């Protein structure tokens, strides 16, 4: 919600892409979405999730859905206007490093000049990891902040205005924000 609001404050009619959006619940926290000053495209391969978004949010918020897989994104068969913010909150924990690096570079190319890419990944400090793996069969790929930073290595450094990294308050999630020149 905060990242969406920041982009909406900086850009008129900002365009946001939520990659592997799930049910897009974070839109409820966005003042800009409530005010209609940002347009969010929810991209997901799960048509049930997209149907929930259409039922719960389309009409209430400036939201559209895009049924697509990560493979579609990588093959560039998804045609979207340049976005001011692309983010992936619950995806990178499932991607092998080579794929994660390629996806990061592909999403970065979809940004408008000055646009931002925000990715999140669980860190090895996640206390519930053993529980999640044992009882929920939830196998994630945990990355240190340095490993998350390395996911931007396929982007031409000359195209990067800045890279910022931060963690949540418990150091369970590492974030990276890459801003395009």
N, C-alpha and C. Protein backbone atom coordinates (compact mmCIF):
# COMPACT_ATOMS: atom_id res chain seq x y z
N UNK A 1 0.81 -1.20 0.00
CA UNK A 1 0.00 0.00 0.00
C UNK A 1 0.85 1.26 0.00
N UNK A 2 1.90 1.29 0.85
CA UNK A 2 2.75 2.49 0.95
C UNK A 2 3.47 2.74 -0.37
N UNK A 3 4.00 1.69 -0.97
CA UNK A 3 4.76 1.86 -2.21
C UNK A 3 3.85 2.39 -3.32
N UNK A 4 2.63 1.87 -3.39
CA UNK A 4 1.65 2.34 -4.37
C UNK A 4 1.37 3.82 -4.14
N UNK A 5 1.16 4.20 -2.89
CA UNK A 5 0.87 5.60 -2.57
C UNK A 5 2.04 6.51 -2.90
N UNK A 6 3.27 6.04 -2.64
CA UNK A 6 4.46 6.84 -2.95
C UNK A 6 4.55 7.12 -4.45
N UNK A 7 4.30 6.10 -5.25
CA UNK A 7 4.37 6.26 -6.71
C UNK A 7 3.26 7.18 -7.18
N UNK A 8 2.06 7.02 -6.61
CA UNK A 8 0.93 7.87 -7.01
C UNK A 8 1.19 9.33 -6.65
N UNK A 9 1.89 9.58 -5.54
CA UNK A 9 2.20 10.95 -5.14
C UNK A 9 3.23 11.57 -6.09
N UNK A 10 4.11 10.73 -6.64
CA UNK A 10 5.18 11.23 -7.50
C UNK A 10 4.76 11.37 -8.96
N UNK A 11 3.75 10.60 -9.37
CA UNK A 11 3.36 10.57 -10.78
C UNK A 11 1.86 10.69 -10.93
N UNK A 12 1.43 11.55 -11.84
CA UNK A 12 0.01 11.67 -12.15
C UNK A 12 -0.43 10.43 -12.91
N UNK A 13 -1.59 9.89 -12.56
CA UNK A 13 -2.12 8.69 -13.23
C UNK A 13 -1.09 7.55 -13.28
N UNK A 14 -0.46 7.29 -12.14
CA UNK A 14 0.56 6.25 -12.06
C UNK A 14 -0.02 4.90 -12.43
N UNK A 15 0.82 4.08 -13.08
CA UNK A 15 0.44 2.72 -13.46
C UNK A 15 1.27 1.74 -12.66
N UNK A 16 0.58 0.78 -12.04
CA UNK A 16 1.22 -0.20 -11.16
C UNK A 16 0.92 -1.59 -11.68
N UNK A 17 1.93 -2.46 -11.63
CA UNK A 17 1.76 -3.87 -12.00
C UNK A 17 2.05 -4.73 -10.79
N UNK A 18 1.05 -5.48 -10.34
CA UNK A 18 1.22 -6.45 -9.25
C UNK A 18 1.45 -7.81 -9.89
N UNK A 19 2.66 -8.34 -9.76
CA UNK A 19 3.06 -9.60 -10.40
C UNK A 19 2.78 -10.76 -9.44
N UNK A 20 2.09 -11.80 -9.95
CA UNK A 20 1.63 -12.90 -9.10
C UNK A 20 0.82 -12.30 -7.96
N UNK A 21 -0.22 -11.56 -8.35
CA UNK A 21 -0.96 -10.69 -7.45
C UNK A 21 -1.75 -11.41 -6.36
N UNK A 22 -2.08 -12.68 -6.57
CA UNK A 22 -2.97 -13.33 -5.62
C UNK A 22 -4.29 -12.57 -5.58
N UNK A 23 -4.82 -12.35 -4.39
CA UNK A 23 -6.11 -11.66 -4.26
C UNK A 23 -5.98 -10.14 -4.18
N UNK A 24 -4.75 -9.62 -4.23
CA UNK A 24 -4.47 -8.17 -4.25
C UNK A 24 -5.02 -7.44 -3.01
N UNK A 25 -5.01 -8.11 -1.86
CA UNK A 25 -5.58 -7.51 -0.64
C UNK A 25 -4.91 -6.19 -0.26
N UNK A 26 -3.64 -6.02 -0.65
CA UNK A 26 -2.92 -4.80 -0.26
C UNK A 26 -3.54 -3.54 -0.83
N UNK A 27 -4.37 -3.69 -1.85
CA UNK A 27 -4.98 -2.49 -2.44
C UNK A 27 -5.89 -1.78 -1.43
N UNK A 28 -6.40 -2.54 -0.48
CA UNK A 28 -7.27 -1.93 0.55
C UNK A 28 -6.51 -0.95 1.44
N UNK A 29 -5.20 -1.06 1.49
CA UNK A 29 -4.38 -0.17 2.32
C UNK A 29 -3.93 1.06 1.57
N UNK A 30 -4.23 1.16 0.29
CA UNK A 30 -3.72 2.25 -0.53
C UNK A 30 -4.70 3.42 -0.58
N UNK A 31 -4.27 4.56 -0.08
CA UNK A 31 -5.08 5.79 -0.17
C UNK A 31 -5.26 6.19 -1.64
N UNK A 32 -4.19 6.03 -2.43
CA UNK A 32 -4.24 6.42 -3.84
C UNK A 32 -5.26 5.58 -4.61
N UNK A 33 -5.34 4.30 -4.30
CA UNK A 33 -6.32 3.44 -4.97
C UNK A 33 -7.74 3.88 -4.60
N UNK A 34 -7.96 4.19 -3.32
CA UNK A 34 -9.28 4.67 -2.89
C UNK A 34 -9.64 5.97 -3.59
N UNK A 35 -8.62 6.83 -3.78
CA UNK A 35 -8.85 8.14 -4.41
C UNK A 35 -8.91 8.04 -5.93
N UNK A 36 -8.54 6.90 -6.48
CA UNK A 36 -8.57 6.71 -7.94
C UNK A 36 -7.43 7.39 -8.67
N UNK A 37 -6.32 7.65 -7.98
CA UNK A 37 -5.20 8.36 -8.61
C UNK A 37 -4.11 7.42 -9.12
N UNK A 38 -4.36 6.13 -9.10
CA UNK A 38 -3.40 5.13 -9.56
C UNK A 38 -4.19 4.01 -10.22
N UNK A 39 -3.63 3.41 -11.26
CA UNK A 39 -4.27 2.25 -11.87
C UNK A 39 -3.40 1.02 -11.62
N UNK A 40 -4.00 -0.03 -11.08
CA UNK A 40 -3.28 -1.26 -10.76
C UNK A 40 -3.72 -2.37 -11.71
N UNK A 41 -2.74 -3.03 -12.32
CA UNK A 41 -3.00 -4.23 -13.11
C UNK A 41 -2.54 -5.42 -12.29
N UNK A 42 -3.44 -6.34 -12.02
CA UNK A 42 -3.13 -7.55 -11.27
C UNK A 42 -2.85 -8.68 -12.25
N UNK A 43 -1.62 -9.15 -12.26
CA UNK A 43 -1.21 -10.23 -13.15
C UNK A 43 -1.05 -11.50 -12.34
N UNK A 44 -1.74 -12.56 -12.75
CA UNK A 44 -1.64 -13.83 -12.04
C UNK A 44 -2.05 -14.94 -13.00
N UNK A 45 -1.51 -16.13 -12.77
CA UNK A 45 -1.91 -17.28 -13.60
C UNK A 45 -3.16 -17.95 -13.05
N UNK A 46 -3.53 -17.63 -11.81
CA UNK A 46 -4.67 -18.27 -11.15
C UNK A 46 -5.95 -17.47 -11.45
N UNK A 47 -6.76 -18.04 -12.31
CA UNK A 47 -7.98 -17.33 -12.71
C UNK A 47 -8.97 -17.18 -11.55
N UNK A 48 -8.90 -18.07 -10.57
CA UNK A 48 -9.76 -17.92 -9.38
C UNK A 48 -9.39 -16.65 -8.61
N UNK A 49 -8.08 -16.42 -8.44
CA UNK A 49 -7.63 -15.20 -7.76
C UNK A 49 -8.08 -13.97 -8.52
N UNK A 50 -7.93 -14.00 -9.85
CA UNK A 50 -8.34 -12.85 -10.65
C UNK A 50 -9.84 -12.63 -10.58
N UNK A 51 -10.60 -13.72 -10.53
CA UNK A 51 -12.07 -13.59 -10.40
C UNK A 51 -12.42 -12.94 -9.06
N UNK A 52 -11.69 -13.28 -8.00
CA UNK A 52 -11.92 -12.65 -6.69
C UNK A 52 -11.62 -11.15 -6.76
N UNK A 53 -10.54 -10.78 -7.45
CA UNK A 53 -10.20 -9.36 -7.61
C UNK A 53 -11.32 -8.65 -8.37
N UNK A 54 -11.78 -9.26 -9.45
CA UNK A 54 -12.84 -8.64 -10.25
C UNK A 54 -14.11 -8.46 -9.42
N UNK A 55 -14.42 -9.46 -8.60
CA UNK A 55 -15.62 -9.39 -7.75
C UNK A 55 -15.47 -8.34 -6.64
N UNK A 56 -14.29 -8.34 -5.99
CA UNK A 56 -14.12 -7.51 -4.79
C UNK A 56 -13.67 -6.08 -5.08
N UNK A 57 -12.93 -5.86 -6.17
CA UNK A 57 -12.27 -4.57 -6.34
C UNK A 57 -12.59 -3.83 -7.63
N UNK A 58 -12.85 -4.52 -8.72
CA UNK A 58 -13.14 -3.82 -9.98
C UNK A 58 -14.44 -3.05 -9.79
N UNK A 59 -14.40 -1.78 -10.12
CA UNK A 59 -15.56 -0.93 -9.86
C UNK A 59 -15.36 -0.09 -8.61
N UNK A 60 -14.77 -0.68 -7.57
CA UNK A 60 -14.45 0.07 -6.35
C UNK A 60 -13.13 0.80 -6.47
N UNK A 61 -12.18 0.17 -7.17
CA UNK A 61 -10.84 0.72 -7.34
C UNK A 61 -10.48 0.69 -8.82
N UNK A 62 -9.53 1.53 -9.24
CA UNK A 62 -9.07 1.46 -10.63
C UNK A 62 -8.13 0.27 -10.81
N UNK A 63 -8.73 -0.89 -11.06
CA UNK A 63 -7.99 -2.15 -11.14
C UNK A 63 -8.41 -2.90 -12.40
N UNK A 64 -7.44 -3.53 -13.04
CA UNK A 64 -7.77 -4.48 -14.11
C UNK A 64 -6.96 -5.74 -13.87
N UNK A 65 -7.41 -6.83 -14.47
CA UNK A 65 -6.72 -8.11 -14.29
C UNK A 65 -6.09 -8.56 -15.60
N UNK A 66 -5.03 -9.33 -15.47
CA UNK A 66 -4.29 -9.85 -16.62
C UNK A 66 -3.94 -11.30 -16.35
N UNK A 67 -4.68 -12.24 -16.97
CA UNK A 67 -4.34 -13.66 -16.76
C UNK A 67 -3.08 -14.00 -17.54
N UNK A 68 -2.01 -14.31 -16.83
CA UNK A 68 -0.74 -14.63 -17.48
C UNK A 68 0.15 -15.38 -16.51
N UNK A 69 1.05 -16.17 -17.07
CA UNK A 69 2.04 -16.88 -16.28
C UNK A 69 3.35 -16.09 -16.29
N UNK A 70 4.27 -16.48 -15.44
CA UNK A 70 5.59 -15.86 -15.45
C UNK A 70 6.26 -16.16 -16.79
N UNK A 71 6.01 -17.35 -17.35
CA UNK A 71 6.54 -17.67 -18.68
C UNK A 71 6.05 -16.70 -19.73
N UNK A 72 4.77 -16.30 -19.64
CA UNK A 72 4.23 -15.31 -20.58
C UNK A 72 4.99 -13.99 -20.45
N UNK A 73 5.27 -13.61 -19.21
CA UNK A 73 6.01 -12.36 -18.96
C UNK A 73 7.41 -12.47 -19.55
N UNK A 74 8.08 -13.61 -19.31
CA UNK A 74 9.44 -13.78 -19.80
C UNK A 74 9.50 -13.82 -21.33
N UNK A 75 8.47 -14.40 -21.94
CA UNK A 75 8.41 -14.44 -23.41
C UNK A 75 7.94 -13.12 -24.00
N UNK A 76 7.60 -12.17 -23.11
CA UNK A 76 7.10 -10.85 -23.48
C UNK A 76 5.83 -10.95 -24.32
N UNK A 77 5.04 -11.98 -24.06
CA UNK A 77 3.75 -12.08 -24.76
C UNK A 77 2.68 -11.28 -24.02
N UNK A 78 3.04 -10.72 -22.87
CA UNK A 78 2.15 -9.83 -22.13
C UNK A 78 2.48 -8.40 -22.56
N UNK A 79 1.50 -7.73 -23.14
CA UNK A 79 1.72 -6.36 -23.61
C UNK A 79 1.06 -5.39 -22.65
N UNK A 80 1.86 -4.66 -21.93
CA UNK A 80 1.34 -3.67 -20.99
C UNK A 80 2.06 -2.35 -21.25
N UNK A 81 1.38 -1.22 -21.03
CA UNK A 81 2.10 0.05 -21.14
C UNK A 81 3.17 0.11 -20.05
N UNK A 82 4.20 0.92 -20.29
CA UNK A 82 5.27 1.05 -19.28
C UNK A 82 4.65 1.38 -17.93
N UNK A 83 5.16 0.73 -16.90
CA UNK A 83 4.59 0.93 -15.56
C UNK A 83 5.52 1.77 -14.70
N UNK A 84 4.93 2.46 -13.74
CA UNK A 84 5.69 3.30 -12.82
C UNK A 84 6.15 2.51 -11.61
N UNK A 85 5.45 1.42 -11.31
CA UNK A 85 5.84 0.52 -10.23
C UNK A 85 5.44 -0.88 -10.63
N UNK A 86 6.39 -1.80 -10.56
CA UNK A 86 6.09 -3.23 -10.67
C UNK A 86 6.56 -3.86 -9.37
N UNK A 87 5.72 -4.71 -8.78
CA UNK A 87 6.15 -5.37 -7.55
C UNK A 87 5.70 -6.82 -7.52
N UNK A 88 6.51 -7.61 -6.82
CA UNK A 88 6.23 -9.04 -6.64
C UNK A 88 6.47 -9.36 -5.17
N UNK A 89 5.39 -9.59 -4.45
CA UNK A 89 5.51 -9.80 -3.00
C UNK A 89 5.63 -11.28 -2.63
N UNK A 90 4.93 -12.17 -3.29
CA UNK A 90 4.92 -13.56 -2.86
C UNK A 90 5.38 -14.53 -3.91
N UNK A 91 6.31 -14.12 -4.75
CA UNK A 91 6.70 -14.92 -5.91
C UNK A 91 8.14 -15.40 -5.85
N UNK A 92 9.06 -14.51 -5.52
CA UNK A 92 10.48 -14.82 -5.66
C UNK A 92 10.92 -15.97 -4.76
N UNK A 93 10.21 -16.22 -3.67
CA UNK A 93 10.56 -17.32 -2.77
C UNK A 93 10.42 -18.67 -3.45
N UNK A 94 9.74 -18.71 -4.59
CA UNK A 94 9.51 -19.97 -5.31
C UNK A 94 10.41 -20.12 -6.54
N UNK A 95 11.16 -19.08 -6.87
CA UNK A 95 11.92 -19.09 -8.13
C UNK A 95 13.38 -19.43 -7.91
N UNK A 96 13.89 -20.35 -8.72
CA UNK A 96 15.33 -20.63 -8.72
C UNK A 96 16.06 -19.35 -9.14
N UNK A 97 17.31 -19.25 -8.75
CA UNK A 97 18.06 -18.00 -8.92
C UNK A 97 18.15 -17.54 -10.37
N UNK A 98 18.46 -18.43 -11.30
CA UNK A 98 18.61 -18.01 -12.71
C UNK A 98 17.30 -17.43 -13.23
N UNK A 99 16.19 -18.09 -12.91
CA UNK A 99 14.88 -17.60 -13.34
C UNK A 99 14.55 -16.27 -12.66
N UNK A 100 14.87 -16.16 -11.38
CA UNK A 100 14.60 -14.93 -10.63
C UNK A 100 15.38 -13.75 -11.22
N UNK A 101 16.62 -14.01 -11.61
CA UNK A 101 17.43 -12.93 -12.21
C UNK A 101 16.86 -12.51 -13.56
N UNK A 102 16.47 -13.48 -14.37
CA UNK A 102 15.90 -13.18 -15.69
C UNK A 102 14.60 -12.41 -15.54
N UNK A 103 13.75 -12.85 -14.59
CA UNK A 103 12.48 -12.15 -14.37
C UNK A 103 12.72 -10.72 -13.89
N UNK A 104 13.68 -10.53 -13.00
CA UNK A 104 13.98 -9.19 -12.50
C UNK A 104 14.36 -8.26 -13.65
N UNK A 105 15.22 -8.73 -14.55
CA UNK A 105 15.62 -7.91 -15.70
C UNK A 105 14.43 -7.65 -16.63
N UNK A 106 13.57 -8.65 -16.81
CA UNK A 106 12.41 -8.50 -17.69
C UNK A 106 11.42 -7.49 -17.11
N UNK A 107 11.15 -7.58 -15.81
CA UNK A 107 10.24 -6.62 -15.18
C UNK A 107 10.83 -5.22 -15.21
N UNK A 108 12.13 -5.12 -15.01
CA UNK A 108 12.80 -3.82 -15.04
C UNK A 108 12.61 -3.15 -16.41
N UNK A 109 12.67 -3.95 -17.48
CA UNK A 109 12.47 -3.42 -18.83
C UNK A 109 11.06 -2.89 -19.04
N UNK A 110 10.10 -3.34 -18.23
CA UNK A 110 8.71 -2.90 -18.37
C UNK A 110 8.46 -1.56 -17.68
N UNK A 111 9.46 -1.05 -16.97
CA UNK A 111 9.29 0.21 -16.24
C UNK A 111 9.42 1.41 -17.15
N UNK A 112 8.63 2.43 -16.85
CA UNK A 112 8.81 3.74 -17.47
C UNK A 112 10.09 4.36 -16.89
N UNK A 113 10.68 5.35 -17.57
CA UNK A 113 11.82 6.05 -16.97
C UNK A 113 11.45 6.57 -15.58
N UNK A 114 12.34 6.33 -14.62
CA UNK A 114 12.07 6.72 -13.23
C UNK A 114 11.18 5.74 -12.49
N UNK A 115 10.76 4.68 -13.17
CA UNK A 115 9.90 3.68 -12.53
C UNK A 115 10.66 2.82 -11.54
N UNK A 116 9.90 2.11 -10.70
CA UNK A 116 10.50 1.31 -9.63
C UNK A 116 10.06 -0.14 -9.72
N UNK A 117 10.97 -1.02 -9.39
CA UNK A 117 10.69 -2.44 -9.25
C UNK A 117 10.95 -2.80 -7.80
N UNK A 118 9.96 -3.40 -7.16
CA UNK A 118 10.10 -3.82 -5.76
C UNK A 118 9.89 -5.32 -5.69
N UNK A 119 10.88 -6.02 -5.15
CA UNK A 119 10.72 -7.46 -4.95
C UNK A 119 10.98 -7.80 -3.48
N UNK A 120 10.34 -8.87 -3.04
CA UNK A 120 10.46 -9.32 -1.66
C UNK A 120 10.81 -10.79 -1.66
N UNK A 121 11.57 -11.22 -0.65
CA UNK A 121 11.94 -12.63 -0.51
C UNK A 121 12.14 -12.94 0.97
N UNK A 122 11.62 -14.09 1.39
CA UNK A 122 11.87 -14.52 2.77
C UNK A 122 13.37 -14.74 2.96
N UNK A 123 13.85 -14.45 4.16
CA UNK A 123 15.26 -14.61 4.49
C UNK A 123 15.46 -15.89 5.32
N UNK A 124 16.71 -16.33 5.45
CA UNK A 124 16.99 -17.50 6.30
C UNK A 124 16.63 -17.26 7.77
N UNK A 125 16.41 -16.00 8.16
CA UNK A 125 16.06 -15.69 9.56
C UNK A 125 14.60 -16.01 9.88
N UNK A 126 13.84 -16.46 8.90
CA UNK A 126 12.42 -16.76 9.12
C UNK A 126 12.30 -17.91 10.11
N UNK A 127 11.77 -17.60 11.30
CA UNK A 127 11.71 -18.57 12.39
C UNK A 127 10.78 -19.74 12.12
N UNK A 128 9.75 -19.51 11.32
CA UNK A 128 8.75 -20.55 11.11
C UNK A 128 9.10 -21.48 9.95
N UNK A 129 10.30 -21.35 9.39
CA UNK A 129 10.64 -22.11 8.19
C UNK A 129 10.49 -23.61 8.40
N UNK A 130 11.03 -24.16 9.48
CA UNK A 130 10.95 -25.60 9.69
C UNK A 130 9.51 -26.05 9.83
N UNK A 131 8.72 -25.27 10.57
CA UNK A 131 7.30 -25.60 10.75
C UNK A 131 6.59 -25.60 9.40
N UNK A 132 6.82 -24.53 8.62
CA UNK A 132 6.14 -24.41 7.32
C UNK A 132 6.51 -25.58 6.42
N UNK A 133 7.79 -25.94 6.41
CA UNK A 133 8.23 -27.02 5.53
C UNK A 133 7.71 -28.37 6.00
N UNK A 134 7.69 -28.59 7.30
CA UNK A 134 7.29 -29.89 7.83
C UNK A 134 5.79 -30.10 7.77
N UNK A 135 5.03 -29.13 8.23
CA UNK A 135 3.60 -29.34 8.39
C UNK A 135 2.75 -28.82 7.24
N UNK A 136 3.28 -27.89 6.47
CA UNK A 136 2.48 -27.32 5.40
C UNK A 136 3.04 -27.67 4.02
N UNK A 137 4.15 -28.41 4.00
CA UNK A 137 4.82 -28.76 2.74
C UNK A 137 5.03 -27.50 1.90
N UNK A 138 5.43 -26.44 2.57
CA UNK A 138 5.63 -25.14 1.96
C UNK A 138 7.12 -24.91 1.82
N UNK A 139 7.69 -25.29 0.69
CA UNK A 139 9.13 -25.21 0.49
C UNK A 139 9.47 -23.91 -0.23
N UNK A 140 10.14 -23.05 0.47
CA UNK A 140 10.51 -21.76 -0.10
C UNK A 140 12.01 -21.68 -0.33
N UNK A 141 12.41 -20.75 -1.16
CA UNK A 141 13.82 -20.47 -1.37
C UNK A 141 14.12 -19.20 -0.57
N UNK A 142 14.88 -19.39 0.50
CA UNK A 142 15.23 -18.27 1.38
C UNK A 142 16.48 -17.60 0.85
N UNK A 143 16.50 -16.26 0.86
CA UNK A 143 17.67 -15.53 0.38
C UNK A 143 18.08 -14.47 1.38
N UNK A 144 19.39 -14.32 1.53
CA UNK A 144 19.93 -13.23 2.35
C UNK A 144 19.74 -11.93 1.57
N UNK A 145 19.85 -10.78 2.23
CA UNK A 145 19.78 -9.52 1.49
C UNK A 145 20.79 -9.45 0.33
N UNK A 146 22.00 -9.98 0.53
CA UNK A 146 23.01 -9.97 -0.54
C UNK A 146 22.55 -10.84 -1.71
N UNK A 147 21.92 -11.96 -1.42
CA UNK A 147 21.42 -12.82 -2.49
C UNK A 147 20.26 -12.15 -3.23
N UNK A 148 19.41 -11.43 -2.50
CA UNK A 148 18.32 -10.69 -3.15
C UNK A 148 18.93 -9.62 -4.04
N UNK A 149 19.95 -8.92 -3.56
CA UNK A 149 20.62 -7.88 -4.35
C UNK A 149 21.18 -8.46 -5.65
N UNK A 150 21.69 -9.68 -5.60
CA UNK A 150 22.29 -10.29 -6.79
C UNK A 150 21.26 -10.58 -7.88
N UNK A 151 19.98 -10.55 -7.53
CA UNK A 151 18.94 -10.82 -8.53
C UNK A 151 18.84 -9.69 -9.55
N UNK A 152 19.47 -8.55 -9.27
CA UNK A 152 19.48 -7.44 -10.22
C UNK A 152 20.72 -7.46 -11.11
N UNK A 153 21.54 -8.50 -11.00
CA UNK A 153 22.82 -8.53 -11.72
C UNK A 153 22.69 -8.59 -13.23
N UNK A 154 21.53 -9.00 -13.76
CA UNK A 154 21.37 -9.07 -15.21
C UNK A 154 20.89 -7.74 -15.81
N UNK A 155 20.70 -6.73 -14.96
CA UNK A 155 20.27 -5.41 -15.44
C UNK A 155 21.52 -4.58 -15.73
N UNK A 156 21.52 -3.89 -16.85
CA UNK A 156 22.63 -3.00 -17.21
C UNK A 156 22.75 -1.91 -16.14
N UNK A 157 23.89 -1.85 -15.44
CA UNK A 157 24.04 -0.84 -14.37
C UNK A 157 23.82 0.59 -14.85
N UNK A 158 24.07 0.87 -16.12
CA UNK A 158 23.88 2.22 -16.65
C UNK A 158 22.40 2.61 -16.67
N UNK A 159 21.51 1.63 -16.61
CA UNK A 159 20.07 1.91 -16.63
C UNK A 159 19.49 2.07 -15.23
N UNK A 160 20.30 1.81 -14.21
CA UNK A 160 19.81 1.84 -12.83
C UNK A 160 20.12 3.19 -12.20
N UNK A 161 19.08 3.88 -11.73
CA UNK A 161 19.28 5.14 -11.01
C UNK A 161 19.70 4.86 -9.57
N UNK A 162 19.06 3.85 -8.95
CA UNK A 162 19.42 3.50 -7.57
C UNK A 162 18.91 2.11 -7.23
N UNK A 163 19.56 1.51 -6.26
CA UNK A 163 19.09 0.25 -5.68
C UNK A 163 19.07 0.46 -4.17
N UNK A 164 17.92 0.19 -3.57
CA UNK A 164 17.80 0.28 -2.11
C UNK A 164 17.39 -1.08 -1.59
N UNK A 165 17.89 -1.42 -0.42
CA UNK A 165 17.48 -2.66 0.23
C UNK A 165 17.06 -2.38 1.65
N UNK A 166 16.09 -3.13 2.10
CA UNK A 166 15.64 -3.01 3.48
C UNK A 166 14.96 -4.32 3.87
N UNK A 167 14.78 -4.51 5.15
CA UNK A 167 14.12 -5.71 5.67
C UNK A 167 12.93 -5.29 6.51
N UNK A 168 12.02 -6.23 6.74
CA UNK A 168 10.94 -5.96 7.68
C UNK A 168 11.52 -5.91 9.09
N UNK A 169 10.69 -5.58 10.06
CA UNK A 169 11.20 -5.34 11.42
C UNK A 169 11.82 -6.59 12.05
N UNK A 170 11.46 -7.78 11.59
CA UNK A 170 12.00 -9.01 12.15
C UNK A 170 13.11 -9.62 11.30
N UNK A 171 13.49 -8.94 10.23
CA UNK A 171 14.48 -9.46 9.28
C UNK A 171 14.04 -10.78 8.64
N UNK A 172 12.73 -10.99 8.55
CA UNK A 172 12.21 -12.21 7.92
C UNK A 172 12.02 -12.04 6.42
N UNK A 173 11.87 -10.79 5.98
CA UNK A 173 11.66 -10.52 4.56
C UNK A 173 12.66 -9.46 4.11
N UNK A 174 13.39 -9.78 3.04
CA UNK A 174 14.32 -8.83 2.45
C UNK A 174 13.65 -8.22 1.22
N UNK A 175 13.75 -6.90 1.11
CA UNK A 175 13.17 -6.17 -0.01
C UNK A 175 14.29 -5.52 -0.82
N UNK A 176 14.04 -5.38 -2.11
CA UNK A 176 14.94 -4.63 -2.96
C UNK A 176 14.10 -3.75 -3.87
N UNK A 177 14.45 -2.47 -3.90
CA UNK A 177 13.78 -1.51 -4.79
C UNK A 177 14.82 -1.03 -5.80
N UNK A 178 14.56 -1.28 -7.07
CA UNK A 178 15.45 -0.85 -8.15
C UNK A 178 14.73 0.23 -8.93
N UNK A 179 15.36 1.39 -9.05
CA UNK A 179 14.76 2.53 -9.76
C UNK A 179 15.48 2.69 -11.10
N UNK A 180 14.67 2.85 -12.16
CA UNK A 180 15.20 2.99 -13.51
C UNK A 180 15.59 4.43 -13.78
N UNK A 181 16.69 4.61 -14.49
CA UNK A 181 17.13 5.97 -14.89
C UNK A 181 16.02 6.69 -15.64
